[in-house]
Amino acid sequence: MAKKILIADDSTSMRQMIDFTLSEAGYTVIQSVDGEDAFSKFTADVNLVITDLNMPKMNGIDLIRKIRSGATNKFLPIIMLTTESEPGKKDEGKKAGATAWIVKPFTPENLLETIKKVAG
C-alpha cells in the first residue's frame, strides 16, 4: 500500500511539481492550497506532511503546531519545504515540530532522499 503524503503550498506550480515527483515514486498525494486547507484534509492515515512556510490563512508553522497538538501525531514526519533559510525561522519550525527542512529551489532527488530519511 502506497504511503499517503499531504502537501500544503499556495503555489500551484510547486504543488504540481511535488505531486508529480511523489506520484512517480509511488506515493499517494493529497494537495492543499494553504495550512487551513491542509488541516481540513489531514486524516489519521496520512503518513507524512510536506508544508511551505509562508501561506495565506494558516502558515506552515501554525499547521505543524495544530497537527502536533493531536496525541497520535507526535511522531508523524513533517517536512518544511520553503524559500526561507533564516536560522531563526528554522529554529521556530523545529520547536513547532518540523522533522526536516528543505530550502527551495530543490531537486526531486533531494526531496525523495529526505522523505526516505524521515519516513523510512
N, C-alpha and C. Protein backbone atom coordinates (compact mmCIF):
# COMPACT_ATOMS: atom_id res chain seq x y z
N MET A 1 0.84 -1.19 0.00
CA MET A 1 0.00 0.00 0.00
C MET A 1 0.89 1.25 0.00
N ALA A 2 0.56 2.19 -0.88
CA ALA A 2 1.36 3.40 -1.02
C ALA A 2 1.21 4.31 0.20
N LYS A 3 2.30 4.92 0.59
CA LYS A 3 2.24 5.88 1.69
C LYS A 3 1.51 7.13 1.20
N LYS A 4 0.72 7.72 2.09
CA LYS A 4 -0.07 8.89 1.76
C LYS A 4 0.63 10.14 2.29
N ILE A 5 0.87 11.10 1.38
CA ILE A 5 1.56 12.34 1.74
C ILE A 5 0.65 13.53 1.48
N LEU A 6 0.50 14.37 2.50
CA LEU A 6 -0.28 15.60 2.39
C LEU A 6 0.69 16.74 2.12
N ILE A 7 0.44 17.50 1.05
CA ILE A 7 1.30 18.65 0.75
C ILE A 7 0.49 19.94 0.86
N ALA A 8 1.12 20.97 1.43
CA ALA A 8 0.48 22.28 1.58
C ALA A 8 1.41 23.34 0.98
N ASP A 9 0.96 23.97 -0.09
CA ASP A 9 1.74 25.04 -0.72
C ASP A 9 0.77 25.91 -1.50
N ASP A 10 0.91 27.23 -1.37
CA ASP A 10 -0.01 28.12 -2.07
C ASP A 10 0.36 28.31 -3.55
N SER A 11 1.48 27.78 -3.98
CA SER A 11 1.91 27.86 -5.38
C SER A 11 1.41 26.64 -6.15
N THR A 12 0.56 26.87 -7.14
CA THR A 12 0.02 25.78 -7.95
C THR A 12 1.13 25.01 -8.64
N SER A 13 2.10 25.72 -9.23
CA SER A 13 3.19 25.03 -9.95
C SER A 13 4.04 24.20 -8.99
N MET A 14 4.26 24.70 -7.78
CA MET A 14 5.04 23.94 -6.80
C MET A 14 4.29 22.68 -6.39
N ARG A 15 2.97 22.80 -6.13
CA ARG A 15 2.17 21.62 -5.78
C ARG A 15 2.21 20.59 -6.89
N GLN A 16 2.10 21.05 -8.13
CA GLN A 16 2.11 20.13 -9.26
C GLN A 16 3.45 19.41 -9.38
N MET A 17 4.55 20.14 -9.18
CA MET A 17 5.87 19.54 -9.28
C MET A 17 6.09 18.50 -8.17
N ILE A 18 5.69 18.86 -6.96
CA ILE A 18 5.83 17.93 -5.83
C ILE A 18 4.95 16.71 -6.06
N ASP A 19 3.71 16.94 -6.47
CA ASP A 19 2.76 15.85 -6.73
C ASP A 19 3.33 14.90 -7.78
N PHE A 20 3.84 15.44 -8.89
CA PHE A 20 4.40 14.62 -9.95
C PHE A 20 5.57 13.78 -9.43
N THR A 21 6.49 14.43 -8.72
CA THR A 21 7.66 13.74 -8.18
C THR A 21 7.25 12.59 -7.26
N LEU A 22 6.32 12.87 -6.35
CA LEU A 22 5.91 11.86 -5.38
C LEU A 22 5.08 10.76 -6.02
N SER A 23 4.19 11.12 -6.93
CA SER A 23 3.35 10.12 -7.61
C SER A 23 4.21 9.17 -8.43
N GLU A 24 5.21 9.72 -9.12
CA GLU A 24 6.13 8.90 -9.91
C GLU A 24 6.91 7.93 -9.02
N ALA A 25 7.14 8.33 -7.78
CA ALA A 25 7.88 7.48 -6.83
C ALA A 25 6.95 6.50 -6.10
N GLY A 26 5.66 6.52 -6.44
CA GLY A 26 4.74 5.55 -5.87
C GLY A 26 3.93 5.99 -4.67
N TYR A 27 4.01 7.28 -4.32
CA TYR A 27 3.25 7.79 -3.18
C TYR A 27 1.86 8.25 -3.62
N THR A 28 0.92 8.24 -2.70
CA THR A 28 -0.39 8.84 -2.90
C THR A 28 -0.31 10.25 -2.35
N VAL A 29 -0.78 11.25 -3.12
CA VAL A 29 -0.61 12.64 -2.74
C VAL A 29 -1.96 13.32 -2.57
N ILE A 30 -2.08 14.10 -1.50
CA ILE A 30 -3.23 14.96 -1.26
C ILE A 30 -2.72 16.39 -1.31
N GLN A 31 -3.26 17.19 -2.22
CA GLN A 31 -2.82 18.58 -2.35
C GLN A 31 -3.72 19.51 -1.54
N SER A 32 -3.11 20.56 -0.99
CA SER A 32 -3.88 21.60 -0.31
C SER A 32 -3.22 22.95 -0.59
N VAL A 33 -4.04 24.00 -0.61
CA VAL A 33 -3.59 25.32 -1.05
C VAL A 33 -3.03 26.20 0.06
N ASP A 34 -3.25 25.81 1.32
CA ASP A 34 -2.72 26.55 2.46
C ASP A 34 -2.84 25.68 3.70
N GLY A 35 -2.38 26.20 4.82
CA GLY A 35 -2.41 25.42 6.05
C GLY A 35 -3.80 25.05 6.52
N GLU A 36 -4.72 25.97 6.36
CA GLU A 36 -6.11 25.71 6.77
C GLU A 36 -6.70 24.57 5.95
N ASP A 37 -6.50 24.63 4.63
CA ASP A 37 -6.98 23.58 3.73
C ASP A 37 -6.31 22.25 4.07
N ALA A 38 -5.01 22.29 4.34
CA ALA A 38 -4.28 21.07 4.68
C ALA A 38 -4.83 20.45 5.96
N PHE A 39 -5.07 21.28 6.97
CA PHE A 39 -5.57 20.72 8.23
C PHE A 39 -6.95 20.10 8.05
N SER A 40 -7.77 20.69 7.18
CA SER A 40 -9.10 20.13 6.94
C SER A 40 -9.03 18.79 6.20
N LYS A 41 -7.93 18.56 5.47
CA LYS A 41 -7.76 17.31 4.73
C LYS A 41 -6.90 16.30 5.47
N PHE A 42 -6.36 16.69 6.62
CA PHE A 42 -5.50 15.82 7.39
C PHE A 42 -6.32 14.71 8.05
N THR A 43 -5.90 13.46 7.82
CA THR A 43 -6.60 12.31 8.40
C THR A 43 -5.56 11.39 9.06
N ALA A 44 -6.05 10.45 9.83
CA ALA A 44 -5.17 9.54 10.57
C ALA A 44 -4.31 8.68 9.66
N ASP A 45 -4.72 8.49 8.40
CA ASP A 45 -3.94 7.62 7.51
C ASP A 45 -2.88 8.37 6.71
N VAL A 46 -2.67 9.66 6.99
CA VAL A 46 -1.60 10.42 6.35
C VAL A 46 -0.28 9.98 6.99
N ASN A 47 0.70 9.61 6.16
CA ASN A 47 1.98 9.11 6.65
C ASN A 47 3.06 10.18 6.77
N LEU A 48 2.87 11.32 6.08
CA LEU A 48 3.88 12.37 6.05
C LEU A 48 3.22 13.66 5.58
N VAL A 49 3.70 14.78 6.10
CA VAL A 49 3.21 16.10 5.67
C VAL A 49 4.40 16.90 5.14
N ILE A 50 4.18 17.56 4.00
CA ILE A 50 5.17 18.49 3.44
C ILE A 50 4.47 19.84 3.35
N THR A 51 5.03 20.85 4.02
CA THR A 51 4.38 22.15 4.03
C THR A 51 5.34 23.30 3.73
N ASP A 52 4.80 24.29 3.04
CA ASP A 52 5.51 25.54 2.82
C ASP A 52 5.41 26.33 4.13
N LEU A 53 6.21 27.35 4.27
CA LEU A 53 6.15 28.19 5.47
C LEU A 53 5.15 29.33 5.28
N ASN A 54 5.37 30.15 4.26
CA ASN A 54 4.56 31.35 4.05
C ASN A 54 3.37 31.05 3.15
N MET A 55 2.18 30.99 3.76
CA MET A 55 0.94 30.73 3.02
C MET A 55 -0.16 31.59 3.63
N PRO A 56 -1.18 31.90 2.83
CA PRO A 56 -2.32 32.65 3.38
C PRO A 56 -3.16 31.76 4.32
N LYS A 57 -4.01 32.37 5.08
CA LYS A 57 -4.95 31.73 6.03
C LYS A 57 -4.27 31.06 7.22
N MET A 58 -3.34 30.12 6.96
CA MET A 58 -2.59 29.49 8.05
C MET A 58 -1.21 29.14 7.51
N ASN A 59 -0.15 29.63 8.17
CA ASN A 59 1.20 29.34 7.68
C ASN A 59 1.64 27.94 8.10
N GLY A 60 2.80 27.53 7.60
CA GLY A 60 3.30 26.19 7.87
C GLY A 60 3.61 25.91 9.32
N ILE A 61 4.12 26.91 10.03
CA ILE A 61 4.43 26.73 11.47
C ILE A 61 3.15 26.46 12.25
N ASP A 62 2.11 27.24 11.97
CA ASP A 62 0.83 27.03 12.67
C ASP A 62 0.22 25.69 12.30
N LEU A 63 0.37 25.28 11.04
CA LEU A 63 -0.13 23.97 10.63
C LEU A 63 0.58 22.87 11.41
N ILE A 64 1.88 22.96 11.52
CA ILE A 64 2.65 21.95 12.27
C ILE A 64 2.17 21.91 13.72
N ARG A 65 2.00 23.08 14.33
CA ARG A 65 1.53 23.12 15.73
C ARG A 65 0.17 22.45 15.88
N LYS A 66 -0.74 22.72 14.95
CA LYS A 66 -2.08 22.11 15.03
C LYS A 66 -2.00 20.60 14.87
N ILE A 67 -1.19 20.15 13.93
CA ILE A 67 -1.04 18.70 13.73
C ILE A 67 -0.42 18.07 14.97
N ARG A 68 0.63 18.68 15.49
CA ARG A 68 1.33 18.13 16.66
C ARG A 68 0.47 18.16 17.93
N SER A 69 -0.56 18.98 17.97
CA SER A 69 -1.42 19.04 19.15
C SER A 69 -2.24 17.76 19.33
N GLY A 70 -2.36 16.97 18.27
CA GLY A 70 -3.07 15.69 18.37
C GLY A 70 -2.16 14.65 19.01
N ALA A 71 -2.66 13.95 19.99
CA ALA A 71 -1.85 12.99 20.75
C ALA A 71 -1.20 11.92 19.87
N THR A 72 -1.88 11.52 18.80
CA THR A 72 -1.34 10.46 17.94
C THR A 72 -0.41 10.98 16.86
N ASN A 73 -0.18 12.30 16.81
CA ASN A 73 0.63 12.89 15.74
C ASN A 73 2.00 13.35 16.20
N LYS A 74 2.43 12.94 17.37
CA LYS A 74 3.70 13.41 17.91
C LYS A 74 4.90 12.98 17.07
N PHE A 75 4.81 11.82 16.43
CA PHE A 75 5.95 11.28 15.69
C PHE A 75 5.74 11.26 14.18
N LEU A 76 4.67 11.88 13.71
CA LEU A 76 4.42 11.96 12.27
C LEU A 76 5.51 12.81 11.62
N PRO A 77 6.17 12.30 10.56
CA PRO A 77 7.19 13.10 9.89
C PRO A 77 6.57 14.32 9.19
N ILE A 78 7.14 15.49 9.42
CA ILE A 78 6.68 16.71 8.77
C ILE A 78 7.90 17.42 8.20
N ILE A 79 7.87 17.67 6.89
CA ILE A 79 8.96 18.35 6.20
C ILE A 79 8.53 19.76 5.85
N MET A 80 9.34 20.73 6.24
CA MET A 80 9.11 22.12 5.86
C MET A 80 9.87 22.34 4.55
N LEU A 81 9.15 22.73 3.50
CA LEU A 81 9.73 22.96 2.18
C LEU A 81 9.46 24.41 1.81
N THR A 82 10.49 25.25 1.90
CA THR A 82 10.28 26.69 1.83
C THR A 82 11.48 27.43 1.24
N THR A 83 11.25 28.66 0.83
CA THR A 83 12.36 29.51 0.37
C THR A 83 13.09 30.12 1.56
N GLU A 84 12.51 30.01 2.74
CA GLU A 84 13.06 30.60 3.97
C GLU A 84 14.25 29.81 4.48
N SER A 85 15.41 30.47 4.60
CA SER A 85 16.60 29.77 5.09
C SER A 85 17.17 30.44 6.34
N GLU A 86 16.48 31.44 6.86
CA GLU A 86 16.95 32.16 8.05
C GLU A 86 16.98 31.23 9.26
N PRO A 87 18.11 31.19 9.98
CA PRO A 87 18.23 30.29 11.14
C PRO A 87 17.11 30.46 12.18
N GLY A 88 16.64 31.67 12.40
CA GLY A 88 15.57 31.90 13.36
C GLY A 88 14.28 31.20 12.96
N LYS A 89 13.99 31.23 11.67
CA LYS A 89 12.78 30.55 11.17
C LYS A 89 12.93 29.04 11.29
N LYS A 90 14.13 28.55 10.99
CA LYS A 90 14.38 27.11 11.12
C LYS A 90 14.21 26.66 12.57
N ASP A 91 14.71 27.47 13.51
CA ASP A 91 14.54 27.15 14.93
C ASP A 91 13.07 27.14 15.32
N GLU A 92 12.32 28.12 14.81
CA GLU A 92 10.89 28.18 15.10
C GLU A 92 10.19 26.94 14.54
N GLY A 93 10.57 26.53 13.34
CA GLY A 93 9.99 25.33 12.74
C GLY A 93 10.32 24.08 13.53
N LYS A 94 11.55 23.99 13.98
CA LYS A 94 11.99 22.84 14.77
C LYS A 94 11.23 22.77 16.09
N LYS A 95 11.09 23.94 16.75
CA LYS A 95 10.35 23.98 18.02
C LYS A 95 8.89 23.61 17.83
N ALA A 96 8.32 23.97 16.67
CA ALA A 96 6.92 23.64 16.39
C ALA A 96 6.75 22.14 16.12
N GLY A 97 7.85 21.50 15.67
CA GLY A 97 7.79 20.06 15.44
C GLY A 97 8.17 19.61 14.04
N ALA A 98 8.79 20.48 13.23
CA ALA A 98 9.24 20.06 11.90
C ALA A 98 10.33 18.99 12.05
N THR A 99 10.23 17.95 11.27
CA THR A 99 11.20 16.85 11.30
C THR A 99 12.40 17.17 10.42
N ALA A 100 12.15 17.87 9.30
CA ALA A 100 13.22 18.21 8.36
C ALA A 100 12.88 19.54 7.69
N TRP A 101 13.90 20.16 7.09
CA TRP A 101 13.76 21.48 6.45
C TRP A 101 14.48 21.43 5.11
N ILE A 102 13.76 21.69 4.03
CA ILE A 102 14.35 21.74 2.70
C ILE A 102 14.14 23.15 2.15
N VAL A 103 15.22 23.75 1.64
CA VAL A 103 15.13 25.10 1.09
C VAL A 103 14.91 25.02 -0.43
N LYS A 104 13.91 25.78 -0.90
CA LYS A 104 13.66 25.89 -2.35
C LYS A 104 14.70 26.83 -2.94
N PRO A 105 15.14 26.64 -4.16
CA PRO A 105 14.79 25.53 -5.04
C PRO A 105 15.46 24.23 -4.58
N PHE A 106 14.84 23.13 -4.93
CA PHE A 106 15.32 21.82 -4.52
C PHE A 106 15.23 20.88 -5.72
N THR A 107 15.88 19.75 -5.62
CA THR A 107 15.78 18.75 -6.68
C THR A 107 14.82 17.65 -6.24
N PRO A 108 14.15 17.01 -7.19
CA PRO A 108 13.29 15.88 -6.83
C PRO A 108 14.05 14.81 -6.05
N GLU A 109 15.31 14.59 -6.40
CA GLU A 109 16.13 13.58 -5.71
C GLU A 109 16.33 13.95 -4.24
N ASN A 110 16.56 15.24 -3.99
CA ASN A 110 16.74 15.72 -2.62
C ASN A 110 15.45 15.52 -1.81
N LEU A 111 14.31 15.81 -2.42
CA LEU A 111 13.04 15.63 -1.73
C LEU A 111 12.81 14.16 -1.39
N LEU A 112 13.01 13.29 -2.36
CA LEU A 112 12.79 11.85 -2.13
C LEU A 112 13.76 11.28 -1.11
N GLU A 113 15.00 11.75 -1.15
CA GLU A 113 16.01 11.31 -0.19
C GLU A 113 15.61 11.73 1.24
N THR A 114 15.13 12.95 1.38
CA THR A 114 14.71 13.45 2.69
C THR A 114 13.51 12.66 3.20
N ILE A 115 12.56 12.36 2.32
CA ILE A 115 11.38 11.56 2.71
C ILE A 115 11.83 10.20 3.22
N LYS A 116 12.76 9.56 2.51
CA LYS A 116 13.25 8.25 2.94
C LYS A 116 13.92 8.32 4.30
N LYS A 117 14.66 9.42 4.55
CA LYS A 117 15.35 9.58 5.84
C LYS A 117 14.36 9.72 7.00
N VAL A 118 13.31 10.51 6.81
CA VAL A 118 12.40 10.79 7.92
C VAL A 118 11.23 9.83 8.04
N ALA A 119 10.88 9.16 6.93
CA ALA A 119 9.70 8.29 6.96
C ALA A 119 10.01 6.84 6.65
N GLY A 120 11.26 6.54 6.37
CA GLY A 120 11.63 5.16 6.10
C GLY A 120 11.26 4.64 4.74
